[in-house]
Protein backbone atom coordinates (compact mmCIF):
# COMPACT_ATOMS: atom_id res chain seq x y z
CA UNK A 1 -135.13 -56.81 178.93
CA UNK A 2 -137.78 -57.97 177.90
CA UNK A 3 -138.90 -61.75 178.05
CA UNK A 4 -139.69 -62.95 174.69
CA UNK A 5 -140.35 -66.69 176.35
CA UNK A 6 -144.27 -65.54 177.07
CA UNK A 7 -145.00 -65.80 173.69
CA UNK A 8 -144.84 -69.35 173.70
CA UNK A 9 -147.57 -71.49 172.98
CA UNK A 10 -146.82 -74.57 175.28
CA UNK A 11 -144.52 -74.85 178.21
CA UNK A 12 -141.51 -75.77 176.28
CA UNK A 13 -138.48 -78.22 177.73
CA UNK A 14 -134.89 -78.51 177.51
CA UNK A 15 -133.63 -80.54 175.19
CA UNK A 16 -131.15 -82.57 177.47
CA UNK A 17 -131.08 -86.13 176.38
CA UNK A 18 -131.57 -89.33 179.02
CA UNK A 19 -129.17 -91.46 178.46
CA UNK A 20 -129.99 -94.79 180.31
CA UNK A 21 -126.81 -96.94 178.66
CA UNK A 22 -125.17 -94.94 181.17
CA UNK A 23 -126.10 -95.96 183.85
CA UNK A 24 -123.69 -96.71 186.41
CA UNK A 25 -120.92 -95.89 184.65
CA UNK A 26 -119.79 -92.56 187.09
CA UNK A 27 -120.07 -94.19 189.89
CA UNK A 28 -117.04 -96.37 190.24
CA UNK A 29 -113.70 -95.99 192.46
CA UNK A 30 -110.83 -93.44 191.16
CA UNK A 31 -111.17 -90.62 188.28
CA UNK A 32 -109.32 -92.73 186.07
CA UNK A 33 -111.81 -95.92 187.16
CA UNK A 34 -114.73 -93.35 186.28
CA UNK A 35 -112.93 -92.49 182.93
CA UNK A 36 -112.92 -95.63 181.83
CA UNK A 37 -116.40 -96.86 182.47
CA UNK A 38 -117.78 -93.73 181.20
CA UNK A 39 -116.10 -94.81 178.01
CA UNK A 40 -116.94 -98.24 178.18
CA UNK A 41 -121.12 -96.63 178.32
CA UNK A 42 -120.56 -94.60 174.93
CA UNK A 43 -118.64 -97.50 173.64
CA UNK A 44 -121.31 -99.74 173.78
CA UNK A 45 -123.98 -97.26 173.07
CA UNK A 46 -125.07 -97.90 169.44
CA UNK A 47 -125.74 -95.39 167.45
CA UNK A 48 -128.75 -93.71 165.57
CA UNK A 49 -130.65 -90.67 164.76
CA UNK A 50 -130.76 -87.41 165.73
CA UNK A 51 -132.80 -84.75 165.58
CA UNK A 52 -136.53 -85.34 164.88
CA UNK A 53 -138.04 -85.24 161.77
CA UNK A 54 -136.89 -84.85 158.62
CA UNK A 55 -132.75 -84.65 158.61
CA UNK A 56 -129.66 -85.16 157.08
CA UNK A 57 -126.59 -86.96 157.81
CA UNK A 58 -124.29 -84.33 160.13
CA UNK A 59 -121.23 -85.05 159.46
CA UNK A 60 -119.89 -82.26 157.76
CA UNK A 61 -120.39 -80.84 161.00
CA UNK A 62 -118.52 -83.54 163.39
CA UNK A 63 -115.13 -81.46 163.10
CA UNK A 64 -116.73 -78.90 165.36
CA UNK A 65 -119.44 -80.72 167.65
CA UNK A 66 -118.59 -83.07 170.43
CA UNK A 67 -121.07 -84.33 173.05
CA UNK A 68 -121.24 -83.88 176.72
CA UNK A 69 -122.19 -86.48 178.99
CA UNK A 70 -123.06 -86.37 182.70
CA UNK A 71 -125.12 -87.31 185.60
CA UNK A 72 -127.15 -86.05 187.62
CA UNK A 73 -129.34 -87.19 190.64
CA UNK A 74 -130.82 -91.04 189.33
CA UNK A 75 -130.38 -90.10 185.66
CA UNK A 76 -127.15 -89.94 182.95
CA UNK A 77 -127.84 -87.72 180.70
CA UNK A 78 -126.05 -86.07 177.65
CA UNK A 79 -125.93 -82.82 175.66
CA UNK A 80 -124.02 -81.24 172.59
CA UNK A 81 -121.09 -79.06 172.29
CA UNK A 82 -119.84 -76.89 170.13
CA UNK A 83 -115.76 -76.68 169.83
CA UNK A 84 -114.01 -73.08 170.65
CA UNK A 85 -110.81 -74.26 171.06
CA UNK A 86 -108.44 -76.75 171.95
CA UNK A 87 -110.12 -77.03 176.16
CA UNK A 88 -112.54 -75.31 175.45
CA UNK A 89 -116.72 -76.27 174.83
CA UNK A 90 -119.75 -74.14 174.49
CA UNK A 91 -122.96 -75.81 175.31
CA UNK A 92 -126.09 -75.15 177.08
CA UNK A 93 -125.76 -73.99 180.79
CA UNK A 94 -128.88 -76.87 182.25
CA UNK A 95 -126.42 -79.50 181.24
CA UNK A 96 -123.78 -78.25 184.01
CA UNK A 97 -123.51 -80.76 186.97
CA UNK A 98 -120.54 -80.82 188.93
CA UNK A 99 -117.05 -81.61 186.66
CA UNK A 100 -116.84 -85.03 188.61
CA UNK A 101 -119.89 -85.67 187.05
CA UNK A 102 -119.54 -84.65 183.29
CA UNK A 103 -117.28 -85.53 180.42
CA UNK A 104 -116.55 -84.67 176.70
CA UNK A 105 -117.04 -87.41 173.89
CA UNK A 106 -116.46 -87.65 170.46
CA UNK A 107 -114.87 -90.26 167.75
CA UNK A 108 -112.11 -90.57 166.20
CA UNK A 109 -112.23 -91.02 162.29
CA UNK A 110 -112.21 -94.85 163.07
CA UNK A 111 -115.58 -93.86 165.03
CA UNK A 112 -113.75 -94.95 168.39
CA UNK A 113 -115.05 -93.00 170.94
CA UNK A 114 -112.52 -90.70 172.96
CA UNK A 115 -113.56 -88.71 176.62
CA UNK A 116 -112.03 -86.14 177.55
CA UNK A 117 -112.57 -85.13 181.79
CA UNK A 118 -113.64 -81.74 182.35
CA UNK A 119 -111.89 -78.98 184.14
CA UNK A 120 -114.03 -76.21 184.96
CA UNK A 121 -116.88 -75.01 183.90
CA UNK A 122 -118.90 -71.56 184.17
CA UNK A 123 -122.74 -70.59 183.40
CA UNK A 124 -123.55 -67.28 182.11
CA UNK A 125 -124.13 -65.10 185.43
CA UNK A 126 -127.76 -64.30 184.03
CA UNK A 127 -128.92 -67.87 183.64
CA UNK A 128 -131.90 -68.65 185.46
CA UNK A 129 -132.43 -72.95 185.80
CA UNK A 130 -136.34 -72.13 186.73
CA UNK A 131 -136.79 -68.84 183.91
CA UNK A 132 -139.70 -70.80 182.34
CA UNK A 133 -141.26 -71.39 185.25
CA UNK A 134 -140.92 -67.81 187.06
CA UNK A 135 -141.11 -66.18 183.40
CA UNK A 136 -137.62 -64.22 183.89
CA UNK A 137 -135.22 -63.56 181.59
CA UNK A 138 -132.38 -66.24 181.26
CA UNK A 139 -129.35 -66.91 179.76
CA UNK A 140 -128.78 -70.66 178.78
CA UNK A 141 -125.51 -70.88 178.05
CA UNK A 142 -122.02 -72.68 179.12
CA UNK A 143 -118.67 -72.83 178.93
CA UNK A 144 -116.66 -75.95 179.80
CA UNK A 145 -113.04 -76.10 180.16
CA UNK A 146 -111.25 -79.81 179.40
CA UNK A 147 -108.21 -81.33 181.61
CA UNK A 148 -106.31 -82.44 178.47
CA UNK A 149 -106.41 -80.76 174.73
CA UNK A 150 -108.72 -82.14 172.68
CA UNK A 151 -107.99 -83.82 169.27
CA UNK A 152 -106.48 -81.59 166.84
CA UNK A 153 -109.05 -82.45 163.95
CA UNK A 154 -111.70 -80.73 166.19
CA UNK A 155 -111.64 -77.18 165.28
CA UNK A 156 -113.39 -73.84 166.67
CA UNK A 157 -116.50 -72.79 165.21
CA UNK A 158 -116.86 -69.24 163.94
CA UNK A 159 -119.29 -67.38 166.24
CA UNK A 160 -121.51 -65.34 164.56
CA UNK A 161 -120.94 -60.62 165.43
CA UNK A 162 -123.38 -58.11 164.94
CA UNK A 163 -127.40 -58.06 164.17
CA UNK A 164 -128.87 -62.22 163.79
CA UNK A 165 -130.78 -63.80 161.13
CA UNK A 166 -134.04 -62.30 160.45
CA UNK A 167 -136.97 -64.18 159.68
CA UNK A 168 -137.76 -67.00 157.29
CA UNK A 169 -133.67 -66.72 157.14
CA UNK A 170 -132.36 -70.31 157.28
CA UNK A 171 -130.81 -71.88 159.91
CA UNK A 172 -129.13 -75.30 160.27
CA UNK A 173 -129.59 -77.19 163.28
CA UNK A 174 -127.08 -79.73 164.31
CA UNK A 175 -126.56 -81.98 167.31
CA UNK A 176 -126.40 -85.36 168.70
CA UNK A 177 -130.03 -85.83 171.06
CA UNK A 178 -132.94 -88.72 169.70
CA UNK A 179 -134.04 -89.10 166.28
CA UNK A 180 -137.55 -89.94 168.30
CA UNK A 181 -138.85 -88.16 171.43
CA UNK A 182 -139.13 -90.82 174.17
CA UNK A 183 -136.49 -93.25 172.83
CA UNK A 184 -132.87 -92.12 174.42
CA UNK A 185 -131.21 -95.33 172.28
CA UNK A 186 -132.01 -93.22 169.11
CA UNK A 187 -128.97 -90.55 170.30
CA UNK A 188 -125.76 -90.63 169.59
CA UNK A 189 -125.33 -90.02 165.50
CA UNK A 190 -124.56 -86.63 164.74
CA UNK A 191 -127.62 -84.99 162.49
CA UNK A 192 -129.23 -82.12 161.36
CA UNK A 193 -131.61 -80.47 160.08
CA UNK A 194 -132.78 -76.89 158.35
CA UNK A 195 -135.30 -74.56 159.85
CA UNK A 196 -136.52 -71.72 159.01
CA UNK A 197 -136.29 -68.26 161.61
CA UNK A 198 -139.84 -67.03 163.04
CA UNK A 199 -141.06 -64.73 165.04
CA UNK A 200 -140.89 -62.93 167.48
CA UNK A 201 -137.19 -61.29 166.83
CA UNK A 202 -135.18 -61.05 169.65
CA UNK A 203 -131.83 -59.15 170.80
CA UNK A 204 -131.74 -62.54 173.21
CA UNK A 205 -133.10 -65.37 171.55
CA UNK A 206 -133.53 -67.29 168.41
CA UNK A 207 -136.91 -68.58 167.30
CA UNK A 208 -137.06 -71.61 164.49
CA UNK A 209 -139.08 -74.13 163.33
CA UNK A 210 -140.11 -76.48 160.27
CA UNK A 211 -143.39 -75.65 159.47
CA UNK A 212 -143.91 -78.28 156.69
CA UNK A 213 -141.95 -81.59 158.25
CA UNK A 214 -141.53 -81.18 161.93
CA UNK A 215 -137.69 -80.95 162.23
CA UNK A 216 -136.50 -79.65 165.05
CA UNK A 217 -134.28 -80.66 168.24
CA UNK A 218 -135.27 -82.49 170.75
CA UNK A 219 -133.39 -84.60 173.99
CA UNK A 220 -129.78 -84.45 173.88
CA UNK A 221 -129.35 -81.54 171.11
CA UNK A 222 -129.03 -78.83 174.31
CA UNK A 223 -126.10 -77.25 173.83
CA UNK A 224 -126.35 -77.81 170.19
CA UNK A 225 -125.67 -74.84 167.57
CA UNK A 226 -128.12 -72.92 165.13
CA UNK A 227 -125.87 -72.35 162.10
CA UNK A 228 -126.84 -69.59 160.07
CA UNK A 229 -127.42 -70.60 156.06
CA UNK A 230 -123.74 -70.37 155.27
CA UNK A 231 -123.78 -73.74 157.95
CA UNK A 232 -120.56 -72.27 158.88
CA UNK A 233 -121.27 -69.73 161.45
CA UNK A 234 -122.87 -70.51 165.23
CA UNK A 235 -126.07 -67.29 165.39
CA UNK A 236 -127.32 -69.13 168.61
CA UNK A 237 -127.17 -72.47 170.76
CA UNK A 238 -130.29 -74.69 171.25
CA UNK A 239 -131.89 -74.29 175.13
CA UNK A 240 -135.23 -75.76 174.59
CA UNK A 241 -137.99 -77.01 172.59
CA UNK A 242 -141.79 -77.81 172.70
CA UNK A 243 -143.98 -80.06 170.55
CA UNK A 244 -145.98 -79.22 166.87
CA UNK A 245 -148.48 -81.72 168.80
CA UNK A 246 -150.72 -82.19 171.77
CA UNK A 247 -148.57 -83.91 174.05
CA UNK A 248 -145.19 -84.25 172.27
CA UNK A 249 -141.89 -81.50 173.25
CA UNK A 250 -139.79 -81.81 170.55
CA UNK A 251 -141.03 -81.12 166.82
CA UNK A 252 -142.36 -77.69 167.17
CA UNK A 253 -140.45 -74.54 168.38
CA UNK A 254 -136.37 -74.94 168.55
CA UNK A 255 -135.43 -71.76 170.94
CA UNK A 256 -132.04 -70.88 172.09
CA UNK A 257 -129.77 -68.01 173.53
CA UNK A 258 -128.21 -65.82 170.17
CA UNK A 259 -124.30 -66.32 170.12
CA UNK A 260 -123.44 -62.68 169.49
CA UNK A 261 -124.33 -60.71 172.42
CA UNK A 262 -122.98 -62.87 174.93
CA UNK A 263 -119.65 -62.99 173.37
CA UNK A 264 -118.09 -60.67 175.46
CA UNK A 265 -119.01 -62.62 178.37
CA UNK A 266 -117.45 -66.17 176.17
CA UNK A 267 -113.77 -63.94 175.41
CA UNK A 268 -113.21 -62.69 179.34
CA UNK A 269 -114.26 -66.27 180.67
CA UNK A 270 -111.58 -68.39 178.19
CA UNK A 271 -109.06 -65.51 179.34
CA UNK A 272 -109.46 -66.23 182.92
CA UNK A 273 -108.88 -69.76 181.63
CA UNK A 274 -106.13 -68.67 180.55
CA UNK A 275 -104.51 -67.13 183.05
């Protein structure tokens, strides 16, 4: 398989959001204590924007999306996740940590945060953490299984099948990431932006950009969906981004693995968890 990441104009970054407002909330006592502390941190975080550049409300996607919170080393962070079933969430593999250091969170219709522990994770077998540096093919895709079912109002997002979108087609990115680069406090509210599919076409990856306005995914949008133009069907997920200007890491390219070629792995993993 060809590694299309060789064509990137500058080194991209995985858009994993750093979340200082979650600091220390995963270090306390029992499992129940961890979850209560984690929830308190989420409740205290002030909602702001997400997706850099020109964007709009992502409220219409809220029934399909959640936040994936995690701790790794001395940093706490978050990604976006796509609901696939009552206990199944799709996200980026670089968002994974030990299950004790992860949780899924969403807000109920009243805006109150609800947190669910993670029971199991599975990274795609072709995920390579050092793929960018090593110039390797990598499928940055993962599944989470929650310990208890998600709220019934959350519904599975349809996944694309067949050929991917063509160059010039519209794609819509929706995620909980930051609205301004290097401003972690601006993450946490679901926002969306309209992008255009760009070359190179690939059987593995989708590339998208907003050449006019500089919109795109950023920190916290890892795992976010790139919808087809219908705004319903997930064509790909966000895995990394690059900046439109020198020294920037967001607002240029938004890229990630196409979903259709990975549907067999997704189905097999979910079936194994059901056994």
